[in-house]
């Protein structure tokens, strides 16, 4: 079994990300590159993760996907709230079964969806993030240095 880290960190951040995760005891890929970063390959230039998941699926059966926002599971995240709602309805059976959400209060696409119509200024919209990050137990008010998406897979054969 391998753990693949599919992250929208760019290729130039790969070694630092690997080092940080290894220092924390996360499993590494051995002789397999399990860190699939944005721009590692030309076809991975966008933030969409489906192409990187498809790369894993060629040789592995994906057991679980972990992420902190809808885009970690589906490329249908980048639309209006109504489009995202429709995509979520079609895919919701995955959540809690083979897709697991790990909340990230520091940043994410959640910032733009519900608050844009309620709060008008950028400073006001960032207030929920600031208050979430200042809660006791947070290591810092900066985004985590961990790779945000973790995809667990086993060989397909």
C-alpha atoms as a PDB file:
ATOM      1  CA  UNK A   1       0.000   0.000   0.000  1.00  0.00           C
ATOM      2  CA  UNK A   2       1.196   3.524  -0.824  1.00  0.00           C
ATOM      3  CA  UNK A   3       0.099   6.950   0.307  1.00  0.00           C
ATOM      4  CA  UNK A   4       0.109   9.475  -2.536  1.00  0.00           C
ATOM      5  CA  UNK A   5       0.255  13.177  -1.756  1.00  0.00           C
ATOM      6  CA  UNK A   6      -1.546  15.123  -4.465  1.00  0.00           C
ATOM      7  CA  UNK A   7      -0.997  18.775  -3.743  1.00  0.00           C
ATOM      8  CA  UNK A   8      -1.404  22.073  -5.524  1.00  0.00           C
ATOM      9  CA  UNK A   9       1.919  23.119  -4.159  1.00  0.00           C
ATOM     10  CA  UNK A  10       4.164  23.568  -7.151  1.00  0.00           C
ATOM     11  CA  UNK A  11       7.041  21.330  -8.176  1.00  0.00           C
ATOM     12  CA  UNK A  12       9.622  23.741  -6.742  1.00  0.00           C
ATOM     13  CA  UNK A  13       8.148  23.120  -3.256  1.00  0.00           C
ATOM     14  CA  UNK A  14       8.264  19.348  -3.580  1.00  0.00           C
ATOM     15  CA  UNK A  15      11.480  18.587  -1.698  1.00  0.00           C
ATOM     16  CA  UNK A  16      10.621  20.876   1.216  1.00  0.00           C
ATOM     17  CA  UNK A  17       7.139  19.385   1.475  1.00  0.00           C
ATOM     18  CA  UNK A  18       8.588  15.857   1.390  1.00  0.00           C
ATOM     19  CA  UNK A  19      11.140  16.742   4.055  1.00  0.00           C
ATOM     20  CA  UNK A  20       8.477  18.221   6.368  1.00  0.00           C
ATOM     21  CA  UNK A  21       6.155  15.242   6.037  1.00  0.00           C
ATOM     22  CA  UNK A  22       8.992  12.755   6.509  1.00  0.00           C
ATOM     23  CA  UNK A  23      10.116  14.602   9.652  1.00  0.00           C
ATOM     24  CA  UNK A  24       6.588  14.177  11.032  1.00  0.00           C
ATOM     25  CA  UNK A  25       6.605  10.435  10.320  1.00  0.00           C
ATOM     26  CA  UNK A  26       4.325  10.369   7.274  1.00  0.00           C
ATOM     27  CA  UNK A  27       4.908   7.375   4.981  1.00  0.00           C
ATOM     28  CA  UNK A  28       7.158   7.958   1.997  1.00  0.00           C
ATOM     29  CA  UNK A  29       6.907   6.132  -1.310  1.00  0.00           C
ATOM     30  CA  UNK A  30      10.193   4.218  -1.295  1.00  0.00           C
ATOM     31  CA  UNK A  31      11.137   3.710  -4.948  1.00  0.00           C
ATOM     32  CA  UNK A  32       7.849   5.305  -6.156  1.00  0.00           C
ATOM     33  CA  UNK A  33       7.397   9.071  -6.396  1.00  0.00           C
ATOM     34  CA  UNK A  34       4.258   9.546  -4.315  1.00  0.00           C
ATOM     35  CA  UNK A  35       4.375  13.349  -4.276  1.00  0.00           C
ATOM     36  CA  UNK A  36       2.359  14.562  -7.255  1.00  0.00           C
ATOM     37  CA  UNK A  37       2.638  18.324  -7.308  1.00  0.00           C
ATOM     38  CA  UNK A  38       1.082  20.901  -9.585  1.00  0.00           C
ATOM     39  CA  UNK A  39       3.374  21.503 -12.587  1.00  0.00           C
ATOM     40  CA  UNK A  40       5.429  18.313 -11.974  1.00  0.00           C
ATOM     41  CA  UNK A  41       4.337  17.396 -15.517  1.00  0.00           C
ATOM     42  CA  UNK A  42       2.920  19.608 -18.270  1.00  0.00           C
ATOM     43  CA  UNK A  43      -0.494  17.933 -18.008  1.00  0.00           C
ATOM     44  CA  UNK A  44      -0.589  18.807 -14.298  1.00  0.00           C
ATOM     45  CA  UNK A  45      -0.236  22.557 -14.822  1.00  0.00           C
ATOM     46  CA  UNK A  46      -3.696  23.457 -13.539  1.00  0.00           C
ATOM     47  CA  UNK A  47      -5.019  23.117 -10.015  1.00  0.00           C
ATOM     48  CA  UNK A  48      -7.390  20.363 -11.148  1.00  0.00           C
ATOM     49  CA  UNK A  49      -6.383  17.076  -9.526  1.00  0.00           C
ATOM     50  CA  UNK A  50      -8.270  14.515 -11.648  1.00  0.00           C
ATOM     51  CA  UNK A  51      -5.282  14.025 -14.025  1.00  0.00           C
ATOM     52  CA  UNK A  52      -2.995  13.232 -11.091  1.00  0.00           C
ATOM     53  CA  UNK A  53      -5.532  10.855  -9.579  1.00  0.00           C
ATOM     54  CA  UNK A  54      -5.823   9.158 -12.992  1.00  0.00           C
ATOM     55  CA  UNK A  55      -2.032   8.748 -12.977  1.00  0.00           C
ATOM     56  CA  UNK A  56      -2.256   6.875  -9.654  1.00  0.00           C
ATOM     57  CA  UNK A  57      -5.211   4.757 -10.835  1.00  0.00           C
ATOM     58  CA  UNK A  58      -3.093   3.332 -13.696  1.00  0.00           C
ATOM     59  CA  UNK A  59      -1.176   1.181 -11.195  1.00  0.00           C
ATOM     60  CA  UNK A  60      -3.121   1.381  -7.938  1.00  0.00           C
ATOM     61  CA  UNK A  61      -6.651   0.975  -6.649  1.00  0.00           C
ATOM     62  CA  UNK A  62      -7.565   4.084  -4.691  1.00  0.00           C
ATOM     63  CA  UNK A  63      -9.050   3.249  -1.307  1.00  0.00           C
ATOM     64  CA  UNK A  64      -9.513   6.680   0.254  1.00  0.00           C
ATOM     65  CA  UNK A  65      -9.159  10.317  -0.678  1.00  0.00           C
ATOM     66  CA  UNK A  66      -8.523  12.895   2.029  1.00  0.00           C
ATOM     67  CA  UNK A  67      -8.823  16.595   1.396  1.00  0.00           C
ATOM     68  CA  UNK A  68      -9.965  19.871   2.865  1.00  0.00           C
ATOM     69  CA  UNK A  69     -12.165  21.156   0.041  1.00  0.00           C
ATOM     70  CA  UNK A  70     -14.340  19.915  -2.808  1.00  0.00           C
ATOM     71  CA  UNK A  71     -11.564  20.431  -5.391  1.00  0.00           C
ATOM     72  CA  UNK A  72      -9.504  17.729  -3.687  1.00  0.00           C
ATOM     73  CA  UNK A  73     -12.132  15.191  -4.770  1.00  0.00           C
ATOM     74  CA  UNK A  74     -13.643  16.509  -7.999  1.00  0.00           C
ATOM     75  CA  UNK A  75     -12.673  18.920 -10.743  1.00  0.00           C
ATOM     76  CA  UNK A  76     -16.259  20.187 -10.729  1.00  0.00           C
ATOM     77  CA  UNK A  77     -15.446  22.545  -7.859  1.00  0.00           C
ATOM     78  CA  UNK A  78     -14.799  25.584 -10.007  1.00  0.00           C
ATOM     79  CA  UNK A  79     -18.243  26.932 -10.777  1.00  0.00           C
ATOM     80  CA  UNK A  80     -21.074  28.936  -9.312  1.00  0.00           C
ATOM     81  CA  UNK A  81     -22.536  27.955  -5.958  1.00  0.00           C
ATOM     82  CA  UNK A  82     -25.478  26.363  -7.822  1.00  0.00           C
ATOM     83  CA  UNK A  83     -23.114  24.333 -10.037  1.00  0.00           C
ATOM     84  CA  UNK A  84     -21.118  23.176  -7.042  1.00  0.00           C
ATOM     85  CA  UNK A  85     -24.328  22.220  -5.234  1.00  0.00           C
ATOM     86  CA  UNK A  86     -25.399  20.141  -8.242  1.00  0.00           C
ATOM     87  CA  UNK A  87     -21.982  18.441  -8.444  1.00  0.00           C
ATOM     88  CA  UNK A  88     -22.041  17.773  -4.706  1.00  0.00           C
ATOM     89  CA  UNK A  89     -25.503  16.198  -4.927  1.00  0.00           C
ATOM     90  CA  UNK A  90     -24.251  13.842  -7.656  1.00  0.00           C
ATOM     91  CA  UNK A  91     -21.146  12.857  -5.676  1.00  0.00           C
ATOM     92  CA  UNK A  92     -22.264  13.059  -2.042  1.00  0.00           C
ATOM     93  CA  UNK A  93     -22.375   9.268  -1.534  1.00  0.00           C
ATOM     94  CA  UNK A  94     -18.549   9.289  -1.584  1.00  0.00           C
ATOM     95  CA  UNK A  95     -18.248  11.556   1.475  1.00  0.00           C
ATOM     96  CA  UNK A  96     -17.742   9.564   4.641  1.00  0.00           C
ATOM     97  CA  UNK A  97     -17.237   6.407   2.587  1.00  0.00           C
ATOM     98  CA  UNK A  98     -14.201   6.717   0.299  1.00  0.00           C
ATOM     99  CA  UNK A  99     -13.758  10.507   0.510  1.00  0.00           C
ATOM    100  CA  UNK A 100     -12.854  12.028   3.880  1.00  0.00           C
ATOM    101  CA  UNK A 101     -12.830  15.752   4.571  1.00  0.00           C
ATOM    102  CA  UNK A 102     -10.296  17.181   7.011  1.00  0.00           C
ATOM    103  CA  UNK A 103     -11.323  20.736   7.866  1.00  0.00           C
ATOM    104  CA  UNK A 104      -8.828  23.506   7.192  1.00  0.00           C
ATOM    105  CA  UNK A 105      -9.999  26.730   8.850  1.00  0.00           C
ATOM    106  CA  UNK A 106      -6.958  28.678   7.622  1.00  0.00           C
ATOM    107  CA  UNK A 107      -7.900  29.054   3.940  1.00  0.00           C
ATOM    108  CA  UNK A 108      -9.780  27.423   1.096  1.00  0.00           C
ATOM    109  CA  UNK A 109     -12.530  27.768  -1.468  1.00  0.00           C
ATOM    110  CA  UNK A 110     -15.084  27.957   1.338  1.00  0.00           C
ATOM    111  CA  UNK A 111     -14.045  31.584   1.843  1.00  0.00           C
ATOM    112  CA  UNK A 112     -15.631  32.754  -1.404  1.00  0.00           C
ATOM    113  CA  UNK A 113     -18.860  30.741  -1.473  1.00  0.00           C
ATOM    114  CA  UNK A 114     -21.105  31.611   1.475  1.00  0.00           C
ATOM    115  CA  UNK A 115     -19.487  34.892   2.547  1.00  0.00           C
ATOM    116  CA  UNK A 116     -19.357  36.753  -0.772  1.00  0.00           C
ATOM    117  CA  UNK A 117     -23.050  37.610  -0.707  1.00  0.00           C
ATOM    118  CA  UNK A 118     -23.131  38.296   3.021  1.00  0.00           C
ATOM    119  CA  UNK A 119     -19.914  40.211   3.605  1.00  0.00           C
ATOM    120  CA  UNK A 120     -18.737  42.834   1.176  1.00  0.00           C
ATOM    121  CA  UNK A 121     -15.176  43.892   1.941  1.00  0.00           C
ATOM    122  CA  UNK A 122     -12.135  41.638   1.653  1.00  0.00           C
ATOM    123  CA  UNK A 123     -11.087  42.542   5.200  1.00  0.00           C
ATOM    124  CA  UNK A 124     -14.505  41.532   6.526  1.00  0.00           C
ATOM    125  CA  UNK A 125     -14.483  38.254   4.545  1.00  0.00           C
ATOM    126  CA  UNK A 126     -11.128  37.276   6.054  1.00  0.00           C
ATOM    127  CA  UNK A 127     -12.367  37.759   9.636  1.00  0.00           C
ATOM    128  CA  UNK A 128     -13.781  34.186   9.946  1.00  0.00           C
ATOM    129  CA  UNK A 129     -10.365  32.869   8.873  1.00  0.00           C
ATOM    130  CA  UNK A 130      -8.496  35.050  11.365  1.00  0.00           C
ATOM    131  CA  UNK A 131     -10.749  34.030  14.234  1.00  0.00           C
ATOM    132  CA  UNK A 132     -10.518  30.334  13.309  1.00  0.00           C
ATOM    133  CA  UNK A 133      -6.729  30.543  13.197  1.00  0.00           C
ATOM    134  CA  UNK A 134      -6.465  32.241  16.562  1.00  0.00           C
ATOM    135  CA  UNK A 135      -8.281  29.468  18.408  1.00  0.00           C
ATOM    136  CA  UNK A 136      -6.294  27.739  21.155  1.00  0.00           C
ATOM    137  CA  UNK A 137      -4.377  24.719  19.928  1.00  0.00           C
ATOM    138  CA  UNK A 138      -3.478  26.109  16.484  1.00  0.00           C
ATOM    139  CA  UNK A 139       0.253  25.926  15.842  1.00  0.00           C
ATOM    140  CA  UNK A 140       0.238  29.238  13.989  1.00  0.00           C
ATOM    141  CA  UNK A 141      -1.965  31.578  12.054  1.00  0.00           C
ATOM    142  CA  UNK A 142      -0.293  30.559   8.797  1.00  0.00           C
ATOM    143  CA  UNK A 143      -1.488  27.749   6.517  1.00  0.00           C
ATOM    144  CA  UNK A 144      -0.198  24.317   7.357  1.00  0.00           C
ATOM    145  CA  UNK A 145       3.041  23.290   5.683  1.00  0.00           C
ATOM    146  CA  UNK A 146       1.713  19.784   5.157  1.00  0.00           C
ATOM    147  CA  UNK A 147       0.601  18.583   1.750  1.00  0.00           C
ATOM    148  CA  UNK A 148      -3.134  19.171   1.830  1.00  0.00           C
ATOM    149  CA  UNK A 149      -4.426  16.186  -0.123  1.00  0.00           C
ATOM    150  CA  UNK A 150      -3.637  12.635   0.824  1.00  0.00           C
ATOM    151  CA  UNK A 151      -4.687   9.811  -1.419  1.00  0.00           C
ATOM    152  CA  UNK A 152      -4.320   6.263  -0.136  1.00  0.00           C
ATOM    153  CA  UNK A 153      -3.966   3.548  -2.741  1.00  0.00           C
ATOM    154  CA  UNK A 154      -3.007  -0.103  -3.103  1.00  0.00           C
ATOM    155  CA  UNK A 155      -1.562  -1.794  -6.210  1.00  0.00           C
ATOM    156  CA  UNK A 156      -4.205  -2.664  -8.793  1.00  0.00           C
ATOM    157  CA  UNK A 157      -2.772  -6.125  -9.522  1.00  0.00           C
END
